[in-house]
């Protein structure tokens, strides 16, 4: 089977197929949000080691400046680039063995071997519990197979390590949307937009949920 290598579009497509082919039935708007989040994260994954040397983890001091720029920009292309750099820093463990485990787990997700992916990310968490993105990836797999309580627990671990993690915040919104808990979904989607205002599908979902829950849009 052909592997995705450094082709972000192919990687994104395969991971997207894995998620949407195995998650419980979701609405069109939720499906589009998942596609956009996966695309951003996958582009960052294939960029690891190619653009930003000497990366650390979620405590990397460059993140502060990147988030300031992300909040200040009005340019969509710049916002997409800034998001990719943020994901790139989050994904990079600055350790060859940990990076290999991360890539192995992500590859298992792309191939649809979700139990293998869970095992890989669990081993990564056991070795490096401070690595926020390991928790986030396992949370994603748990979401894919409908294990929502475990996905929520892992998202909370992510946020304890990196409160700005708009992927985990958005993920919580997706989980509660899938559970038809509109009030909780609205809360977490709003939290995600506080950290990253450049997620149009999530902003649209917030507007929809605001009308449903509060009778008004944001």
N, C-alpha and C. Protein backbone atom coordinates (compact mmCIF):
# COMPACT_ATOMS: atom_id res chain seq x y z
N UNK A 1 0.84 -1.20 0.00
CA UNK A 1 0.00 0.00 0.00
C UNK A 1 0.88 1.24 0.00
N UNK A 2 0.52 2.20 -0.83
CA UNK A 2 1.29 3.44 -0.90
C UNK A 2 1.13 4.21 0.39
N UNK A 3 2.25 4.68 0.95
CA UNK A 3 2.20 5.52 2.15
C UNK A 3 2.15 6.97 1.75
N UNK A 4 1.75 7.85 2.71
CA UNK A 4 1.55 9.26 2.36
C UNK A 4 2.85 10.03 2.32
N UNK A 5 3.91 9.52 2.97
CA UNK A 5 5.18 10.23 2.94
C UNK A 5 5.05 11.65 3.40
N UNK A 6 5.50 12.59 2.55
CA UNK A 6 5.42 14.00 2.90
C UNK A 6 4.32 14.71 2.11
N UNK A 7 3.32 13.96 1.67
CA UNK A 7 2.19 14.54 0.95
C UNK A 7 1.08 14.83 1.95
N UNK A 8 0.93 16.10 2.38
CA UNK A 8 -0.06 16.40 3.43
C UNK A 8 -1.48 16.15 2.98
N UNK A 9 -1.78 16.34 1.69
CA UNK A 9 -3.14 16.13 1.23
C UNK A 9 -3.52 14.66 1.31
N UNK A 10 -2.60 13.78 0.92
CA UNK A 10 -2.87 12.36 1.00
C UNK A 10 -2.98 11.91 2.45
N UNK A 11 -2.08 12.40 3.31
CA UNK A 11 -2.15 12.07 4.73
C UNK A 11 -3.49 12.50 5.32
N UNK A 12 -3.88 13.73 5.00
CA UNK A 12 -5.13 14.25 5.53
C UNK A 12 -6.31 13.42 5.04
N UNK A 13 -6.29 13.04 3.75
CA UNK A 13 -7.39 12.27 3.19
C UNK A 13 -7.51 10.92 3.88
N UNK A 14 -6.38 10.25 4.09
CA UNK A 14 -6.42 8.92 4.70
C UNK A 14 -6.85 8.98 6.16
N UNK A 15 -6.34 9.97 6.90
CA UNK A 15 -6.75 10.10 8.29
C UNK A 15 -8.23 10.46 8.37
N UNK A 16 -8.66 11.34 7.47
CA UNK A 16 -10.07 11.74 7.43
C UNK A 16 -10.97 10.54 7.16
N UNK A 17 -10.55 9.68 6.22
CA UNK A 17 -11.32 8.47 5.93
C UNK A 17 -11.43 7.59 7.17
N UNK A 18 -10.33 7.49 7.91
CA UNK A 18 -10.34 6.67 9.11
C UNK A 18 -11.29 7.20 10.16
N UNK A 19 -11.27 8.50 10.38
CA UNK A 19 -12.15 9.11 11.38
C UNK A 19 -13.61 9.00 10.96
N UNK A 20 -13.91 9.48 9.76
CA UNK A 20 -15.30 9.58 9.36
C UNK A 20 -15.89 8.23 9.00
N UNK A 21 -15.04 7.26 8.70
CA UNK A 21 -15.55 5.94 8.39
C UNK A 21 -15.88 5.12 9.62
N UNK A 22 -15.39 5.55 10.80
CA UNK A 22 -15.56 4.74 12.00
C UNK A 22 -16.29 5.45 13.12
N UNK A 23 -16.38 6.78 13.05
CA UNK A 23 -17.11 7.51 14.09
C UNK A 23 -18.60 7.27 13.93
N UNK A 24 -19.37 7.42 15.02
CA UNK A 24 -20.82 7.33 14.91
C UNK A 24 -21.34 8.38 13.93
N UNK A 25 -22.53 8.17 13.40
CA UNK A 25 -23.09 9.08 12.41
C UNK A 25 -23.13 10.50 12.95
N UNK A 26 -22.60 11.44 12.15
CA UNK A 26 -22.52 12.82 12.57
C UNK A 26 -23.20 13.70 11.53
N UNK A 27 -23.59 14.90 11.95
CA UNK A 27 -24.20 15.84 11.03
C UNK A 27 -23.18 16.37 10.04
N UNK A 28 -23.68 16.99 8.98
CA UNK A 28 -22.78 17.55 7.97
C UNK A 28 -21.85 18.59 8.56
N UNK A 29 -22.37 19.47 9.40
CA UNK A 29 -21.54 20.54 9.97
C UNK A 29 -20.45 19.97 10.86
N UNK A 30 -20.76 18.95 11.65
CA UNK A 30 -19.74 18.33 12.49
C UNK A 30 -18.70 17.62 11.63
N UNK A 31 -19.14 16.98 10.56
CA UNK A 31 -18.21 16.31 9.66
C UNK A 31 -17.23 17.31 9.06
N UNK A 32 -17.72 18.47 8.65
CA UNK A 32 -16.84 19.48 8.06
C UNK A 32 -15.85 20.01 9.09
N UNK A 33 -16.27 20.17 10.34
CA UNK A 33 -15.34 20.63 11.37
C UNK A 33 -14.24 19.61 11.59
N UNK A 34 -14.60 18.33 11.62
CA UNK A 34 -13.59 17.29 11.80
C UNK A 34 -12.60 17.33 10.65
N UNK A 35 -13.09 17.49 9.42
CA UNK A 35 -12.20 17.53 8.26
C UNK A 35 -11.20 18.68 8.38
N UNK A 36 -11.66 19.85 8.78
CA UNK A 36 -10.78 21.01 8.87
C UNK A 36 -9.74 20.83 9.96
N UNK A 37 -10.14 20.31 11.11
CA UNK A 37 -9.20 20.09 12.20
C UNK A 37 -8.15 19.05 11.83
N UNK A 38 -8.58 17.97 11.18
CA UNK A 38 -7.64 16.94 10.78
C UNK A 38 -6.67 17.45 9.73
N UNK A 39 -7.14 18.27 8.80
CA UNK A 39 -6.26 18.80 7.77
C UNK A 39 -5.16 19.64 8.37
N UNK A 40 -5.51 20.52 9.31
CA UNK A 40 -4.50 21.38 9.94
C UNK A 40 -3.48 20.57 10.71
N UNK A 41 -3.94 19.60 11.47
CA UNK A 41 -3.03 18.79 12.27
C UNK A 41 -2.14 17.92 11.40
N UNK A 42 -2.67 17.41 10.29
CA UNK A 42 -1.89 16.52 9.44
C UNK A 42 -0.81 17.28 8.70
N UNK A 43 -1.12 18.47 8.20
CA UNK A 43 -0.09 19.28 7.56
C UNK A 43 1.05 19.54 8.52
N UNK A 44 0.72 19.83 9.77
CA UNK A 44 1.78 20.06 10.76
C UNK A 44 2.61 18.81 10.98
N UNK A 45 1.97 17.64 11.02
CA UNK A 45 2.70 16.40 11.28
C UNK A 45 3.73 16.13 10.21
N UNK A 46 3.38 16.30 8.94
CA UNK A 46 4.33 15.99 7.89
C UNK A 46 5.41 17.06 7.76
N UNK A 47 5.22 18.22 8.41
CA UNK A 47 6.24 19.26 8.40
C UNK A 47 7.28 19.07 9.48
N UNK A 48 7.06 18.14 10.43
CA UNK A 48 7.97 17.97 11.55
C UNK A 48 9.38 17.72 11.03
N UNK A 49 10.33 18.48 11.55
CA UNK A 49 11.71 18.31 11.17
C UNK A 49 12.08 19.02 9.89
N UNK A 50 11.11 19.66 9.21
CA UNK A 50 11.40 20.28 7.93
C UNK A 50 11.53 21.79 8.01
N UNK A 51 10.86 22.43 8.95
CA UNK A 51 10.77 23.89 8.92
C UNK A 51 11.29 24.58 10.16
N UNK A 52 11.02 24.04 11.34
CA UNK A 52 11.39 24.72 12.57
C UNK A 52 12.35 23.85 13.36
N UNK A 53 13.66 24.16 13.34
CA UNK A 53 14.63 23.31 14.04
C UNK A 53 14.52 23.46 15.55
N UNK A 54 14.89 22.40 16.26
CA UNK A 54 15.00 22.47 17.71
C UNK A 54 13.69 22.69 18.43
N UNK A 55 12.63 22.09 17.93
CA UNK A 55 11.33 22.29 18.55
C UNK A 55 11.24 21.60 19.90
N UNK A 56 10.44 22.16 20.77
CA UNK A 56 10.18 21.56 22.07
C UNK A 56 8.74 21.09 22.09
N UNK A 57 8.07 21.22 23.25
CA UNK A 57 6.69 20.77 23.37
C UNK A 57 5.79 21.97 23.61
N UNK A 58 4.69 21.75 24.37
CA UNK A 58 3.70 22.80 24.54
C UNK A 58 4.20 23.97 25.39
N UNK A 59 5.38 23.81 26.03
CA UNK A 59 5.95 24.92 26.79
C UNK A 59 6.96 25.72 25.97
N UNK A 60 7.02 25.46 24.67
CA UNK A 60 7.95 26.19 23.80
C UNK A 60 7.63 27.68 23.85
N UNK A 61 8.62 28.53 24.14
CA UNK A 61 8.34 29.97 24.28
C UNK A 61 7.84 30.62 23.00
N UNK A 62 8.07 30.01 21.85
CA UNK A 62 7.59 30.59 20.60
C UNK A 62 6.07 30.57 20.49
N UNK A 63 5.44 29.69 21.26
CA UNK A 63 3.99 29.61 21.18
C UNK A 63 3.31 30.90 21.61
N UNK A 64 3.86 31.57 22.60
CA UNK A 64 3.24 32.81 23.07
C UNK A 64 3.13 33.82 21.93
N UNK A 65 4.22 34.00 21.19
CA UNK A 65 4.22 34.96 20.09
C UNK A 65 3.30 34.50 18.96
N UNK A 66 3.30 33.21 18.68
CA UNK A 66 2.43 32.69 17.62
C UNK A 66 0.96 32.91 17.96
N UNK A 67 0.59 32.73 19.21
CA UNK A 67 -0.80 32.95 19.59
C UNK A 67 -1.16 34.43 19.53
N UNK A 68 -0.23 35.31 19.89
CA UNK A 68 -0.49 36.75 19.76
C UNK A 68 -0.73 37.10 18.30
N UNK A 69 0.12 36.59 17.42
CA UNK A 69 -0.05 36.85 15.99
C UNK A 69 -1.36 36.27 15.47
N UNK A 70 -1.71 35.08 15.95
CA UNK A 70 -2.94 34.44 15.50
C UNK A 70 -4.16 35.28 15.88
N UNK A 71 -4.12 35.88 17.06
CA UNK A 71 -5.24 36.72 17.49
C UNK A 71 -5.27 38.05 16.75
N UNK A 72 -4.12 38.55 16.34
CA UNK A 72 -4.05 39.88 15.75
C UNK A 72 -4.25 39.91 14.24
N UNK A 73 -4.01 38.79 13.57
CA UNK A 73 -4.08 38.82 12.11
C UNK A 73 -5.52 38.82 11.61
N UNK A 74 -5.71 39.50 10.49
CA UNK A 74 -6.99 39.47 9.78
C UNK A 74 -6.86 38.78 8.43
N UNK A 75 -5.69 38.21 8.19
CA UNK A 75 -5.40 37.57 6.91
C UNK A 75 -5.58 36.06 7.04
N UNK A 76 -6.46 35.50 6.23
CA UNK A 76 -6.78 34.07 6.35
C UNK A 76 -5.57 33.19 6.07
N UNK A 77 -4.79 33.55 5.06
CA UNK A 77 -3.62 32.75 4.71
C UNK A 77 -2.59 32.77 5.83
N UNK A 78 -2.38 33.94 6.41
CA UNK A 78 -1.44 34.04 7.53
C UNK A 78 -1.95 33.24 8.73
N UNK A 79 -3.24 33.31 8.97
CA UNK A 79 -3.81 32.56 10.10
C UNK A 79 -3.61 31.06 9.91
N UNK A 80 -3.80 30.57 8.69
CA UNK A 80 -3.60 29.15 8.43
C UNK A 80 -2.15 28.75 8.66
N UNK A 81 -1.22 29.60 8.24
CA UNK A 81 0.20 29.32 8.44
C UNK A 81 0.54 29.31 9.93
N UNK A 82 0.03 30.28 10.67
CA UNK A 82 0.29 30.34 12.10
C UNK A 82 -0.27 29.11 12.82
N UNK A 83 -1.47 28.68 12.43
CA UNK A 83 -2.03 27.47 13.02
C UNK A 83 -1.16 26.25 12.75
N UNK A 84 -0.63 26.17 11.53
CA UNK A 84 0.23 25.03 11.18
C UNK A 84 1.50 25.03 12.02
N UNK A 85 2.08 26.21 12.24
CA UNK A 85 3.28 26.29 13.07
C UNK A 85 2.98 25.90 14.52
N UNK A 86 1.83 26.32 15.02
CA UNK A 86 1.44 25.95 16.38
C UNK A 86 1.30 24.43 16.49
N UNK A 87 0.59 23.83 15.54
CA UNK A 87 0.45 22.37 15.53
C UNK A 87 1.81 21.70 15.43
N UNK A 88 2.68 22.27 14.62
CA UNK A 88 4.01 21.70 14.44
C UNK A 88 4.77 21.63 15.75
N UNK A 89 4.70 22.68 16.53
CA UNK A 89 5.38 22.70 17.83
C UNK A 89 4.72 21.71 18.79
N UNK A 90 3.40 21.68 18.79
CA UNK A 90 2.71 20.74 19.67
C UNK A 90 3.07 19.29 19.36
N UNK A 91 3.19 18.96 18.08
CA UNK A 91 3.40 17.58 17.67
C UNK A 91 4.83 17.13 17.89
N UNK A 92 5.78 18.05 17.81
CA UNK A 92 7.20 17.70 17.91
C UNK A 92 7.60 17.44 19.36
N UNK A 93 8.14 16.25 19.62
CA UNK A 93 8.54 15.88 20.99
C UNK A 93 9.98 16.22 21.29
N UNK A 94 10.75 16.61 20.30
CA UNK A 94 12.17 16.92 20.47
C UNK A 94 12.94 15.71 21.01
N UNK A 95 12.50 14.52 20.59
CA UNK A 95 13.14 13.27 20.98
C UNK A 95 12.82 12.27 19.88
N UNK A 96 13.84 11.67 19.29
CA UNK A 96 13.63 10.81 18.13
C UNK A 96 12.74 9.62 18.45
N UNK A 97 12.93 9.01 19.61
CA UNK A 97 12.12 7.84 19.96
C UNK A 97 10.66 8.22 20.14
N UNK A 98 10.41 9.34 20.83
CA UNK A 98 9.03 9.78 21.03
C UNK A 98 8.39 10.18 19.71
N UNK A 99 9.15 10.85 18.85
CA UNK A 99 8.60 11.23 17.55
C UNK A 99 8.25 10.00 16.72
N UNK A 100 9.08 8.96 16.80
CA UNK A 100 8.79 7.72 16.07
C UNK A 100 7.50 7.08 16.58
N UNK A 101 7.28 7.14 17.89
CA UNK A 101 6.05 6.59 18.46
C UNK A 101 4.84 7.41 18.02
N UNK A 102 4.99 8.73 18.00
CA UNK A 102 3.91 9.59 17.54
C UNK A 102 3.56 9.30 16.08
N UNK A 103 4.58 9.19 15.24
CA UNK A 103 4.35 8.92 13.83
C UNK A 103 3.76 7.53 13.62
N UNK A 104 4.20 6.57 14.44
CA UNK A 104 3.64 5.22 14.33
C UNK A 104 2.17 5.18 14.69
N UNK A 105 1.80 5.90 15.75
CA UNK A 105 0.40 5.95 16.13
C UNK A 105 -0.46 6.64 15.09
N UNK A 106 0.07 7.73 14.54
CA UNK A 106 -0.68 8.46 13.52
C UNK A 106 -0.82 7.62 12.25
N UNK A 107 0.23 6.89 11.91
CA UNK A 107 0.16 6.01 10.74
C UNK A 107 -0.89 4.93 10.95
N UNK A 108 -0.96 4.39 12.15
CA UNK A 108 -1.99 3.39 12.44
C UNK A 108 -3.39 3.98 12.28
N UNK A 109 -3.57 5.24 12.69
CA UNK A 109 -4.85 5.91 12.49
C UNK A 109 -5.17 6.01 11.01
N UNK A 110 -4.18 6.41 10.21
CA UNK A 110 -4.38 6.57 8.78
C UNK A 110 -4.78 5.26 8.12
N UNK A 111 -4.24 4.16 8.63
CA UNK A 111 -4.52 2.84 8.06
C UNK A 111 -5.77 2.20 8.65
N UNK A 112 -6.38 2.87 9.62
CA UNK A 112 -7.60 2.35 10.22
C UNK A 112 -7.38 1.32 11.30
N UNK A 113 -6.13 1.14 11.74
CA UNK A 113 -5.83 0.19 12.81
C UNK A 113 -5.91 0.93 14.14
N UNK A 114 -7.13 1.12 14.61
CA UNK A 114 -7.35 2.03 15.74
C UNK A 114 -6.89 1.44 17.06
N UNK A 115 -6.99 0.13 17.23
CA UNK A 115 -6.48 -0.47 18.46
C UNK A 115 -4.96 -0.34 18.54
N UNK A 116 -4.30 -0.51 17.40
CA UNK A 116 -2.86 -0.31 17.36
C UNK A 116 -2.52 1.14 17.69
N UNK A 117 -3.31 2.08 17.17
CA UNK A 117 -3.07 3.49 17.44
C UNK A 117 -3.23 3.78 18.93
N UNK A 118 -4.28 3.24 19.55
CA UNK A 118 -4.48 3.45 20.99
C UNK A 118 -3.29 2.90 21.77
N UNK A 119 -2.84 1.70 21.41
CA UNK A 119 -1.69 1.12 22.09
C UNK A 119 -0.44 1.95 21.95
N UNK A 120 -0.22 2.48 20.74
CA UNK A 120 0.97 3.29 20.50
C UNK A 120 0.93 4.58 21.30
N UNK A 121 -0.21 5.24 21.28
CA UNK A 121 -0.32 6.50 22.02
C UNK A 121 -0.30 6.26 23.53
N UNK A 122 -0.84 5.14 23.98
CA UNK A 122 -0.79 4.82 25.41
C UNK A 122 0.65 4.60 25.86
N UNK A 123 1.42 3.89 25.06
CA UNK A 123 2.84 3.71 25.39
C UNK A 123 3.57 5.04 25.40
N UNK A 124 3.23 5.91 24.46
CA UNK A 124 3.85 7.23 24.42
C UNK A 124 3.49 8.03 25.67
N UNK A 125 2.24 7.97 26.09
CA UNK A 125 1.82 8.66 27.31
C UNK A 125 2.53 8.10 28.53
N UNK A 126 2.70 6.78 28.58
CA UNK A 126 3.39 6.16 29.71
C UNK A 126 4.83 6.64 29.82
N UNK A 127 5.47 6.82 28.67
CA UNK A 127 6.88 7.25 28.64
C UNK A 127 7.00 8.75 28.87
N UNK A 128 6.05 9.52 28.30
CA UNK A 128 6.13 10.98 28.36
C UNK A 128 4.76 11.56 28.70
N UNK A 129 4.32 11.44 29.95
CA UNK A 129 2.98 11.92 30.31
C UNK A 129 2.82 13.43 30.19
N UNK A 130 3.93 14.14 30.07
CA UNK A 130 3.85 15.60 29.92
C UNK A 130 3.68 16.02 28.47
N UNK A 131 3.64 15.08 27.55
CA UNK A 131 3.53 15.36 26.12
C UNK A 131 2.05 15.50 25.77
N UNK A 132 1.57 16.74 25.69
CA UNK A 132 0.14 16.99 25.54
C UNK A 132 -0.43 16.37 24.28
N UNK A 133 0.33 16.41 23.20
CA UNK A 133 -0.23 15.93 21.93
C UNK A 133 -0.44 14.42 21.92
N UNK A 134 0.30 13.69 22.74
CA UNK A 134 0.04 12.25 22.85
C UNK A 134 -1.35 12.00 23.41
N UNK A 135 -1.72 12.76 24.45
CA UNK A 135 -3.07 12.66 25.01
C UNK A 135 -4.12 13.07 23.96
N UNK A 136 -3.81 14.12 23.21
CA UNK A 136 -4.77 14.61 22.23
C UNK A 136 -5.01 13.60 21.12
N UNK A 137 -3.94 12.95 20.67
CA UNK A 137 -4.11 11.94 19.62
C UNK A 137 -4.93 10.75 20.13
N UNK A 138 -4.67 10.32 21.36
CA UNK A 138 -5.46 9.20 21.88
C UNK A 138 -6.91 9.62 22.07
N UNK A 139 -7.12 10.86 22.50
CA UNK A 139 -8.50 11.37 22.62
C UNK A 139 -9.21 11.30 21.28
N UNK A 140 -8.50 11.63 20.20
CA UNK A 140 -9.09 11.58 18.87
C UNK A 140 -9.51 10.17 18.51
N UNK A 141 -8.64 9.19 18.79
CA UNK A 141 -8.98 7.80 18.48
C UNK A 141 -10.18 7.34 19.31
N UNK A 142 -10.19 7.69 20.58
CA UNK A 142 -11.34 7.33 21.41
C UNK A 142 -12.63 7.92 20.85
N UNK A 143 -12.56 9.16 20.37
CA UNK A 143 -13.73 9.78 19.76
C UNK A 143 -14.17 9.00 18.53
N UNK A 144 -13.19 8.57 17.73
CA UNK A 144 -13.49 7.84 16.49
C UNK A 144 -14.29 6.58 16.75
N UNK A 145 -14.06 5.93 17.88
CA UNK A 145 -14.74 4.66 18.15
C UNK A 145 -15.87 4.82 19.17
N UNK A 146 -16.21 6.07 19.47
CA UNK A 146 -17.37 6.33 20.33
C UNK A 146 -17.13 6.15 21.81
N UNK A 147 -15.87 6.10 22.22
CA UNK A 147 -15.56 5.99 23.66
C UNK A 147 -15.42 7.41 24.22
N UNK A 148 -16.55 8.07 24.36
CA UNK A 148 -16.57 9.50 24.64
C UNK A 148 -16.04 9.86 26.02
N UNK A 149 -16.36 9.07 27.03
CA UNK A 149 -15.87 9.39 28.38
C UNK A 149 -14.35 9.40 28.42
N UNK A 150 -13.74 8.41 27.77
CA UNK A 150 -12.28 8.35 27.76
C UNK A 150 -11.69 9.47 26.91
N UNK A 151 -12.37 9.83 25.84
CA UNK A 151 -11.92 10.94 25.02
C UNK A 151 -11.96 12.25 25.80
N UNK A 152 -13.04 12.46 26.54
CA UNK A 152 -13.15 13.66 27.38
C UNK A 152 -12.03 13.69 28.41
N UNK A 153 -11.78 12.57 29.06
CA UNK A 153 -10.73 12.52 30.08
C UNK A 153 -9.37 12.87 29.48
N UNK A 154 -9.09 12.36 28.28
CA UNK A 154 -7.81 12.67 27.64
C UNK A 154 -7.74 14.13 27.23
N UNK A 155 -8.84 14.68 26.74
CA UNK A 155 -8.86 16.11 26.39
C UNK A 155 -8.56 16.97 27.62
N UNK A 156 -9.08 16.58 28.77
CA UNK A 156 -8.81 17.33 29.99
C UNK A 156 -7.34 17.26 30.38
N UNK A 157 -6.70 16.12 30.12
CA UNK A 157 -5.26 16.02 30.35
C UNK A 157 -4.50 16.97 29.43
N UNK A 158 -4.94 17.04 28.18
CA UNK A 158 -4.32 17.97 27.23
C UNK A 158 -4.40 19.40 27.76
N UNK A 159 -5.59 19.80 28.20
CA UNK A 159 -5.80 21.18 28.64
C UNK A 159 -5.09 21.49 29.94
N UNK A 160 -4.86 20.48 30.77
CA UNK A 160 -4.07 20.70 31.98
C UNK A 160 -2.63 21.04 31.62
N UNK A 161 -2.15 20.49 30.50
CA UNK A 161 -0.78 20.74 30.05
C UNK A 161 -0.68 21.96 29.15
N UNK A 162 -1.71 22.18 28.32
CA UNK A 162 -1.72 23.29 27.37
C UNK A 162 -3.14 23.83 27.26
N UNK A 163 -3.48 24.82 28.12
CA UNK A 163 -4.85 25.34 28.15
C UNK A 163 -5.29 26.00 26.84
N UNK A 164 -4.33 26.36 25.98
CA UNK A 164 -4.67 27.02 24.71
C UNK A 164 -4.95 26.03 23.59
N UNK A 165 -4.93 24.76 23.86
CA UNK A 165 -5.01 23.74 22.80
C UNK A 165 -6.39 23.76 22.16
N UNK A 166 -6.52 24.54 21.08
CA UNK A 166 -7.82 24.70 20.44
C UNK A 166 -8.29 23.41 19.78
N UNK A 167 -7.37 22.48 19.50
CA UNK A 167 -7.79 21.18 18.98
C UNK A 167 -8.55 20.39 20.03
N UNK A 168 -8.03 20.36 21.25
CA UNK A 168 -8.72 19.65 22.33
C UNK A 168 -10.02 20.35 22.72
N UNK A 169 -10.00 21.68 22.74
CA UNK A 169 -11.22 22.43 23.06
C UNK A 169 -12.30 22.17 22.02
N UNK A 170 -11.91 22.21 20.74
CA UNK A 170 -12.86 21.89 19.67
C UNK A 170 -13.33 20.45 19.77
N UNK A 171 -12.40 19.57 20.12
CA UNK A 171 -12.75 18.16 20.27
C UNK A 171 -13.82 17.94 21.33
N UNK A 172 -13.71 18.66 22.44
CA UNK A 172 -14.75 18.56 23.47
C UNK A 172 -16.09 19.03 22.93
N UNK A 173 -16.07 20.09 22.13
CA UNK A 173 -17.31 20.54 21.51
C UNK A 173 -17.91 19.48 20.61
N UNK A 174 -17.05 18.80 19.85
CA UNK A 174 -17.53 17.73 18.97
C UNK A 174 -18.12 16.57 19.76
N UNK A 175 -17.45 16.21 20.85
CA UNK A 175 -17.95 15.10 21.66
C UNK A 175 -19.34 15.41 22.22
N UNK A 176 -19.48 16.61 22.79
CA UNK A 176 -20.77 16.95 23.38
C UNK A 176 -21.84 17.16 22.31
N UNK A 177 -21.44 17.61 21.12
CA UNK A 177 -22.40 17.68 20.02
C UNK A 177 -22.87 16.29 19.64
N UNK A 178 -21.94 15.34 19.57
CA UNK A 178 -22.31 13.96 19.24
C UNK A 178 -23.22 13.37 20.30
N UNK A 179 -23.11 13.88 21.53
CA UNK A 179 -23.97 13.41 22.62
C UNK A 179 -25.27 14.21 22.72
N UNK A 180 -25.46 15.14 21.79
CA UNK A 180 -26.65 16.00 21.79
C UNK A 180 -26.75 16.85 23.05
N UNK A 181 -25.61 17.20 23.62
CA UNK A 181 -25.55 18.12 24.76
C UNK A 181 -25.14 19.49 24.22
N UNK A 182 -26.13 20.22 23.72
CA UNK A 182 -25.85 21.47 23.02
C UNK A 182 -25.24 22.52 23.92
N UNK A 183 -25.68 22.59 25.16
CA UNK A 183 -25.16 23.61 26.07
C UNK A 183 -23.67 23.41 26.34
N UNK A 184 -23.26 22.18 26.61
CA UNK A 184 -21.84 21.90 26.84
C UNK A 184 -21.04 22.09 25.57
N UNK A 185 -21.60 21.66 24.44
CA UNK A 185 -20.90 21.83 23.16
C UNK A 185 -20.65 23.31 22.89
N UNK A 186 -21.65 24.14 23.13
CA UNK A 186 -21.52 25.57 22.92
C UNK A 186 -20.41 26.15 23.79
N UNK A 187 -20.37 25.73 25.05
CA UNK A 187 -19.33 26.23 25.95
C UNK A 187 -17.95 25.92 25.40
N UNK A 188 -17.70 24.68 24.99
CA UNK A 188 -16.36 24.29 24.56
C UNK A 188 -16.00 24.88 23.21
N UNK A 189 -16.96 25.01 22.30
CA UNK A 189 -16.66 25.66 21.03
C UNK A 189 -16.30 27.13 21.24
N UNK A 190 -16.98 27.79 22.16
CA UNK A 190 -16.64 29.18 22.47
C UNK A 190 -15.24 29.28 23.07
N UNK A 191 -14.91 28.34 23.94
CA UNK A 191 -13.56 28.32 24.50
C UNK A 191 -12.52 28.14 23.40
N UNK A 192 -12.82 27.30 22.42
CA UNK A 192 -11.89 27.08 21.31
C UNK A 192 -11.69 28.37 20.52
N UNK A 193 -12.77 29.10 20.26
CA UNK A 193 -12.65 30.35 19.50
C UNK A 193 -11.91 31.42 20.29
N UNK A 194 -11.96 31.36 21.60
CA UNK A 194 -11.19 32.30 22.40
C UNK A 194 -9.70 32.13 22.14
N UNK A 195 -9.27 30.90 21.91
CA UNK A 195 -7.86 30.63 21.66
C UNK A 195 -7.49 30.76 20.19
N UNK A 196 -8.43 30.45 19.32
CA UNK A 196 -8.17 30.53 17.88
C UNK A 196 -9.44 31.01 17.18
N UNK A 197 -9.51 32.31 16.88
CA UNK A 197 -10.72 32.85 16.26
C UNK A 197 -10.85 32.53 14.77
N UNK A 198 -9.86 31.83 14.21
CA UNK A 198 -9.84 31.58 12.77
C UNK A 198 -10.29 30.15 12.44
N UNK A 199 -11.44 29.77 12.95
CA UNK A 199 -12.03 28.46 12.66
C UNK A 199 -13.47 28.69 12.23
N UNK A 200 -13.69 29.01 10.95
CA UNK A 200 -15.02 29.44 10.51
C UNK A 200 -16.12 28.41 10.71
N UNK A 201 -15.81 27.12 10.54
CA UNK A 201 -16.86 26.11 10.71
C UNK A 201 -17.29 26.03 12.16
N UNK A 202 -16.35 26.24 13.07
CA UNK A 202 -16.69 26.22 14.49
C UNK A 202 -17.46 27.48 14.87
N UNK A 203 -17.07 28.61 14.28
CA UNK A 203 -17.82 29.84 14.53
C UNK A 203 -19.26 29.69 14.04
N UNK A 204 -19.43 29.06 12.88
CA UNK A 204 -20.78 28.83 12.38
C UNK A 204 -21.57 27.93 13.33
N UNK A 205 -20.90 26.91 13.86
CA UNK A 205 -21.56 26.00 14.79
C UNK A 205 -21.95 26.72 16.08
N UNK A 206 -21.09 27.64 16.54
CA UNK A 206 -21.41 28.43 17.73
C UNK A 206 -22.65 29.27 17.48
N UNK A 207 -22.75 29.86 16.30
CA UNK A 207 -23.92 30.67 15.98
C UNK A 207 -25.19 29.81 15.99
N UNK A 208 -25.08 28.61 15.43
CA UNK A 208 -26.24 27.70 15.41
C UNK A 208 -26.64 27.29 16.82
N UNK A 209 -25.65 26.92 17.62
CA UNK A 209 -25.94 26.48 18.98
C UNK A 209 -26.43 27.62 19.86
N UNK A 210 -25.92 28.83 19.60
CA UNK A 210 -26.37 29.99 20.37
C UNK A 210 -27.86 30.22 20.17
N UNK A 211 -28.30 30.10 18.92
CA UNK A 211 -29.74 30.26 18.66
C UNK A 211 -30.54 29.14 19.32
N UNK A 212 -30.00 27.95 19.30
CA UNK A 212 -30.70 26.80 19.89
C UNK A 212 -30.77 26.90 21.41
N UNK A 213 -29.64 27.27 22.04
CA UNK A 213 -29.55 27.24 23.50
C UNK A 213 -30.04 28.54 24.12
N UNK A 214 -29.67 29.65 23.50
CA UNK A 214 -29.93 30.96 24.10
C UNK A 214 -30.93 31.80 23.33
N UNK A 215 -31.29 31.34 22.14
CA UNK A 215 -32.23 32.11 21.34
C UNK A 215 -31.60 33.26 20.61
N UNK A 216 -30.25 33.27 20.53
CA UNK A 216 -29.58 34.36 19.83
C UNK A 216 -28.22 33.88 19.38
N UNK A 217 -27.67 34.57 18.37
CA UNK A 217 -26.33 34.25 17.89
C UNK A 217 -25.31 35.07 18.65
N UNK A 218 -24.02 34.66 18.55
CA UNK A 218 -22.97 35.42 19.24
C UNK A 218 -22.81 36.77 18.58
